[in-house]
Amino acid sequence: MRPPQCETVFSLVIINKAGGLIYNRTFHEGGLNKISTNDYLVLAGTFHGVHAITARLNPVKSTPERPLSNSVPGVPGGILTRPEPPSGLEVLESENFRLQCFNTLTGVKFLLFTDTTQTNVDVIIRRIYELYSDYVMKNPFYQLEMPIRCDMFDRKLLSHIREVNNR
């Protein structure tokens, strides 16, 4: 059995649109087991593939208000439609941690590992995306799809996560 913990952000992983690891940072050493850089690379590629598959597993719903000219046999009075847009895997929760994924419009994925009791994870991850936009994407020396090496982003990110973890 796991000892009681306060709400904690454990680590952040950023994956480019091709499934490559471009950033990883651990914020709380006592949270998750340490894994090697190679394991992070495998995690990024594996998650990218699983996310792509789950985005295609988009359930079909019946809409009875549509005209019968496009109706499907066995669906009374309607046609089958898919909700838009397909999102793929967004949250994975175990007894030890929660993984939240934020997928940007450009295909970059932010994976945030937190304690299962962490609240407002979507707010935290969106703030991280704002920091990424301000300090990585506006950096004239950053090349798209390449590993993130930006000191200002690291400092601002660490400051934000310390604030979250000390609440």
C-alpha atoms as a PDB file:
ATOM      1  CA  MET A   1       0.000   0.000   0.000  1.00  0.00           C
ATOM      2  CA  ARG A   2       1.197   3.433  -0.913  1.00  0.00           C
ATOM      3  CA  PRO A   3       1.777   6.094   1.762  1.00  0.00           C
ATOM      4  CA  PRO A   4      -0.530   9.112   1.619  1.00  0.00           C
ATOM      5  CA  GLN A   5       0.872  11.946  -0.517  1.00  0.00           C
ATOM      6  CA  CYS A   6      -0.027  15.505  -1.185  1.00  0.00           C
ATOM      7  CA  GLU A   7      -0.871  16.579  -4.700  1.00  0.00           C
ATOM      8  CA  THR A   8       2.305  16.428  -6.767  1.00  0.00           C
ATOM      9  CA  VAL A   9       3.467  16.895 -10.343  1.00  0.00           C
ATOM     10  CA  PHE A  10       6.103  14.220 -10.939  1.00  0.00           C
ATOM     11  CA  SER A  11       7.371  14.797 -14.465  1.00  0.00           C
ATOM     12  CA  LEU A  12       6.769  16.218 -17.933  1.00  0.00           C
ATOM     13  CA  VAL A  13       7.448  14.606 -21.302  1.00  0.00           C
ATOM     14  CA  ILE A  14       7.045  16.446 -24.617  1.00  0.00           C
ATOM     15  CA  ILE A  15       6.749  14.426 -27.833  1.00  0.00           C
ATOM     16  CA  ASN A  16       7.023  15.923 -31.329  1.00  0.00           C
ATOM     17  CA  LYS A  17       4.475  15.185 -34.051  1.00  0.00           C
ATOM     18  CA  ALA A  18       6.582  12.306 -35.387  1.00  0.00           C
ATOM     19  CA  GLY A  19       6.661  10.565 -31.995  1.00  0.00           C
ATOM     20  CA  GLY A  20      10.163  11.595 -30.989  1.00  0.00           C
ATOM     21  CA  LEU A  21      11.087  12.677 -27.482  1.00  0.00           C
ATOM     22  CA  ILE A  22      12.013  16.369 -27.483  1.00  0.00           C
ATOM     23  CA  TYR A  23      11.868  17.113 -23.745  1.00  0.00           C
ATOM     24  CA  ASN A  24      11.650  15.331 -20.418  1.00  0.00           C
ATOM     25  CA  ARG A  25      12.010  16.671 -16.906  1.00  0.00           C
ATOM     26  CA  THR A  26      11.475  15.125 -13.479  1.00  0.00           C
ATOM     27  CA  PHE A  27      10.247  17.487 -10.759  1.00  0.00           C
ATOM     28  CA  HIS A  28       9.762  15.216  -7.762  1.00  0.00           C
ATOM     29  CA  GLU A  29      12.405  12.579  -7.133  1.00  0.00           C
ATOM     30  CA  GLY A  30      10.369  10.626  -4.575  1.00  0.00           C
ATOM     31  CA  GLY A  31       7.418  10.067  -6.892  1.00  0.00           C
ATOM     32  CA  LEU A  32       7.990   7.703  -9.782  1.00  0.00           C
ATOM     33  CA  ASN A  33      10.799   5.209 -10.301  1.00  0.00           C
ATOM     34  CA  LYS A  34      13.753   6.626 -12.221  1.00  0.00           C
ATOM     35  CA  ILE A  35      13.953   5.477 -15.815  1.00  0.00           C
ATOM     36  CA  SER A  36      16.767   5.867 -18.312  1.00  0.00           C
ATOM     37  CA  THR A  37      16.848   8.208 -21.295  1.00  0.00           C
ATOM     38  CA  ASN A  38      16.402   5.171 -23.534  1.00  0.00           C
ATOM     39  CA  ASP A  39      13.233   4.270 -21.594  1.00  0.00           C
ATOM     40  CA  TYR A  40      11.924   7.812 -22.150  1.00  0.00           C
ATOM     41  CA  LEU A  41      12.566   7.421 -25.888  1.00  0.00           C
ATOM     42  CA  VAL A  42      10.655   4.125 -25.901  1.00  0.00           C
ATOM     43  CA  LEU A  43       7.839   5.724 -23.851  1.00  0.00           C
ATOM     44  CA  ALA A  44       7.534   8.587 -26.346  1.00  0.00           C
ATOM     45  CA  GLY A  45       7.363   6.317 -29.386  1.00  0.00           C
ATOM     46  CA  THR A  46       4.991   3.855 -27.748  1.00  0.00           C
ATOM     47  CA  PHE A  47       2.641   6.556 -26.470  1.00  0.00           C
ATOM     48  CA  HIS A  48       2.614   8.223 -29.893  1.00  0.00           C
ATOM     49  CA  GLY A  49       1.490   4.951 -31.509  1.00  0.00           C
ATOM     50  CA  VAL A  50      -1.132   4.207 -28.860  1.00  0.00           C
ATOM     51  CA  HIS A  51      -2.445   7.770 -29.136  1.00  0.00           C
ATOM     52  CA  ALA A  52      -2.769   7.441 -32.917  1.00  0.00           C
ATOM     53  CA  ILE A  53      -4.684   4.167 -32.585  1.00  0.00           C
ATOM     54  CA  THR A  54      -7.028   5.468 -29.877  1.00  0.00           C
ATOM     55  CA  ALA A  55      -7.761   8.575 -31.972  1.00  0.00           C
ATOM     56  CA  ARG A  56      -9.136   6.230 -34.644  1.00  0.00           C
ATOM     57  CA  LEU A  57     -11.327   4.399 -32.119  1.00  0.00           C
ATOM     58  CA  ASN A  58     -13.957   7.080 -32.399  1.00  0.00           C
ATOM     59  CA  PRO A  59     -17.450   5.796 -31.557  1.00  0.00           C
ATOM     60  CA  VAL A  60     -20.314   6.250 -33.979  1.00  0.00           C
ATOM     61  CA  LYS A  61     -23.504   7.867 -32.695  1.00  0.00           C
ATOM     62  CA  SER A  62     -27.015   7.915 -34.118  1.00  0.00           C
ATOM     63  CA  THR A  63     -28.640  11.282 -34.826  1.00  0.00           C
ATOM     64  CA  PRO A  64     -32.401  10.912 -35.372  1.00  0.00           C
ATOM     65  CA  GLU A  65     -32.904  14.539 -36.443  1.00  0.00           C
ATOM     66  CA  ARG A  66     -31.084  13.960 -39.747  1.00  0.00           C
ATOM     67  CA  PRO A  67     -33.109  13.254 -42.931  1.00  0.00           C
ATOM     68  CA  LEU A  68     -33.966   9.651 -43.703  1.00  0.00           C
ATOM     69  CA  SER A  69     -32.460   9.864 -47.184  1.00  0.00           C
ATOM     70  CA  ASN A  70     -29.072   9.133 -45.620  1.00  0.00           C
ATOM     71  CA  SER A  71     -30.403   6.682 -43.067  1.00  0.00           C
ATOM     72  CA  VAL A  72     -28.651   3.484 -42.088  1.00  0.00           C
ATOM     73  CA  PRO A  73     -30.630   0.250 -41.747  1.00  0.00           C
ATOM     74  CA  GLY A  74     -31.122  -0.670 -38.113  1.00  0.00           C
ATOM     75  CA  VAL A  75     -30.758   2.916 -36.859  1.00  0.00           C
ATOM     76  CA  PRO A  76     -34.293   4.205 -36.367  1.00  0.00           C
ATOM     77  CA  GLY A  77     -34.807   7.549 -38.087  1.00  0.00           C
ATOM     78  CA  GLY A  78     -31.173   8.598 -38.304  1.00  0.00           C
ATOM     79  CA  ILE A  79     -27.714   8.283 -39.686  1.00  0.00           C
ATOM     80  CA  LEU A  80     -24.449   7.459 -38.032  1.00  0.00           C
ATOM     81  CA  THR A  81     -22.080  10.338 -37.300  1.00  0.00           C
ATOM     82  CA  ARG A  82     -18.795  10.685 -35.485  1.00  0.00           C
ATOM     83  CA  PRO A  83     -18.253  13.307 -32.810  1.00  0.00           C
ATOM     84  CA  GLU A  84     -15.586  15.817 -33.802  1.00  0.00           C
ATOM     85  CA  PRO A  85     -12.686  15.884 -33.385  1.00  0.00           C
ATOM     86  CA  PRO A  86     -11.252  12.505 -32.358  1.00  0.00           C
ATOM     87  CA  SER A  87      -8.954  13.072 -29.418  1.00  0.00           C
ATOM     88  CA  GLY A  88      -7.125   9.836 -28.733  1.00  0.00           C
ATOM     89  CA  LEU A  89      -5.868   8.841 -25.317  1.00  0.00           C
ATOM     90  CA  GLU A  90      -6.157  11.780 -22.923  1.00  0.00           C
ATOM     91  CA  VAL A  91      -5.868  10.298 -19.418  1.00  0.00           C
ATOM     92  CA  LEU A  92      -4.321   7.113 -18.099  1.00  0.00           C
ATOM     93  CA  GLU A  93      -4.666   6.466 -14.390  1.00  0.00           C
ATOM     94  CA  SER A  94      -3.085   3.773 -12.245  1.00  0.00           C
ATOM     95  CA  GLU A  95      -3.048   3.346  -8.485  1.00  0.00           C
ATOM     96  CA  ASN A  96       0.330   5.153  -8.331  1.00  0.00           C
ATOM     97  CA  PHE A  97       0.104   7.982 -10.858  1.00  0.00           C
ATOM     98  CA  ARG A  98      -2.028   9.762 -13.424  1.00  0.00           C
ATOM     99  CA  LEU A  99      -0.846  10.544 -16.959  1.00  0.00           C
ATOM    100  CA  GLN A 100      -2.595  13.445 -18.693  1.00  0.00           C
ATOM    101  CA  CYS A 101      -1.960  14.151 -22.378  1.00  0.00           C
ATOM    102  CA  PHE A 102      -2.475  17.512 -24.046  1.00  0.00           C
ATOM    103  CA  ASN A 103      -2.293  17.231 -27.824  1.00  0.00           C
ATOM    104  CA  THR A 104      -1.696  20.535 -29.625  1.00  0.00           C
ATOM    105  CA  LEU A 105      -3.110  21.416 -33.038  1.00  0.00           C
ATOM    106  CA  THR A 106       0.380  20.936 -34.485  1.00  0.00           C
ATOM    107  CA  GLY A 107       0.606  17.382 -33.111  1.00  0.00           C
ATOM    108  CA  VAL A 108       3.010  18.051 -30.234  1.00  0.00           C
ATOM    109  CA  LYS A 109       1.982  16.046 -27.164  1.00  0.00           C
ATOM    110  CA  PHE A 110       2.550  17.150 -23.575  1.00  0.00           C
ATOM    111  CA  LEU A 111       2.462  14.245 -21.102  1.00  0.00           C
ATOM    112  CA  LEU A 112       2.189  15.265 -17.464  1.00  0.00           C
ATOM    113  CA  PHE A 113       2.676  12.634 -14.767  1.00  0.00           C
ATOM    114  CA  THR A 114       0.986  13.567 -11.485  1.00  0.00           C
ATOM    115  CA  ASP A 115      -0.231  12.077  -8.261  1.00  0.00           C
ATOM    116  CA  THR A 116      -3.716  10.577  -8.627  1.00  0.00           C
ATOM    117  CA  THR A 117      -5.115  13.223  -6.254  1.00  0.00           C
ATOM    118  CA  GLN A 118      -3.752  16.189  -8.245  1.00  0.00           C
ATOM    119  CA  THR A 119      -6.522  18.628  -9.147  1.00  0.00           C
ATOM    120  CA  ASN A 120      -6.769  21.041 -12.097  1.00  0.00           C
ATOM    121  CA  VAL A 121      -4.307  19.083 -14.208  1.00  0.00           C
ATOM    122  CA  ASP A 122      -5.775  20.573 -17.390  1.00  0.00           C
ATOM    123  CA  VAL A 123      -5.039  24.088 -16.069  1.00  0.00           C
ATOM    124  CA  ILE A 124      -1.467  23.114 -15.171  1.00  0.00           C
ATOM    125  CA  ILE A 125      -0.786  21.538 -18.551  1.00  0.00           C
ATOM    126  CA  ARG A 126      -2.240  24.492 -20.454  1.00  0.00           C
ATOM    127  CA  ARG A 127       0.032  26.831 -18.497  1.00  0.00           C
ATOM    128  CA  ILE A 128       2.974  24.620 -19.465  1.00  0.00           C
ATOM    129  CA  TYR A 129       1.863  24.938 -23.092  1.00  0.00           C
ATOM    130  CA  GLU A 130       1.802  28.742 -22.709  1.00  0.00           C
ATOM    131  CA  LEU A 131       5.364  28.645 -21.363  1.00  0.00           C
ATOM    132  CA  TYR A 132       6.364  26.417 -24.300  1.00  0.00           C
ATOM    133  CA  SER A 133       4.768  28.864 -26.738  1.00  0.00           C
ATOM    134  CA  ASP A 134       6.427  31.901 -25.139  1.00  0.00           C
ATOM    135  CA  TYR A 135       9.916  30.582 -24.468  1.00  0.00           C
ATOM    136  CA  VAL A 136      10.478  27.782 -26.978  1.00  0.00           C
ATOM    137  CA  MET A 137       8.444  28.616 -30.058  1.00  0.00           C
ATOM    138  CA  LYS A 138       9.387  32.302 -29.955  1.00  0.00           C
ATOM    139  CA  ASN A 139      13.070  31.454 -29.553  1.00  0.00           C
ATOM    140  CA  PRO A 140      14.758  32.238 -32.897  1.00  0.00           C
ATOM    141  CA  PHE A 141      17.402  29.560 -32.261  1.00  0.00           C
ATOM    142  CA  TYR A 142      14.949  26.698 -31.700  1.00  0.00           C
ATOM    143  CA  GLN A 143      14.496  24.316 -34.628  1.00  0.00           C
ATOM    144  CA  LEU A 144      11.082  22.661 -34.894  1.00  0.00           C
ATOM    145  CA  GLU A 145      10.878  18.965 -34.002  1.00  0.00           C
ATOM    146  CA  MET A 146      14.313  19.062 -32.344  1.00  0.00           C
ATOM    147  CA  PRO A 147      15.097  18.560 -28.636  1.00  0.00           C
ATOM    148  CA  ILE A 148      14.251  21.580 -26.503  1.00  0.00           C
ATOM    149  CA  ARG A 149      17.345  23.271 -25.075  1.00  0.00           C
ATOM    150  CA  CYS A 150      16.036  26.572 -23.736  1.00  0.00           C
ATOM    151  CA  ASP A 151      17.214  27.792 -20.319  1.00  0.00           C
ATOM    152  CA  MET A 152      14.427  30.352 -19.928  1.00  0.00           C
ATOM    153  CA  PHE A 153      11.785  27.675 -20.573  1.00  0.00           C
ATOM    154  CA  ASP A 154      13.446  25.401 -17.996  1.00  0.00           C
ATOM    155  CA  ARG A 155      13.523  28.158 -15.362  1.00  0.00           C
ATOM    156  CA  LYS A 156       9.919  29.289 -15.910  1.00  0.00           C
ATOM    157  CA  LEU A 157       8.666  25.701 -16.020  1.00  0.00           C
ATOM    158  CA  LEU A 158      10.484  24.759 -12.820  1.00  0.00           C
ATOM    159  CA  SER A 159       9.131  27.862 -11.091  1.00  0.00           C
ATOM    160  CA  HIS A 160       5.572  27.043 -12.143  1.00  0.00           C
ATOM    161  CA  ILE A 161       5.791  23.395 -11.045  1.00  0.00           C
ATOM    162  CA  ARG A 162       7.364  24.345  -7.695  1.00  0.00           C
ATOM    163  CA  GLU A 163       4.433  26.681  -7.123  1.00  0.00           C
ATOM    164  CA  VAL A 164       1.961  23.887  -7.966  1.00  0.00           C
ATOM    165  CA  ASN A 165       3.755  21.304  -5.823  1.00  0.00           C
ATOM    166  CA  ASN A 166       3.977  23.637  -2.806  1.00  0.00           C
ATOM    167  CA  ARG A 167       0.249  24.411  -2.648  1.00  0.00           C
END
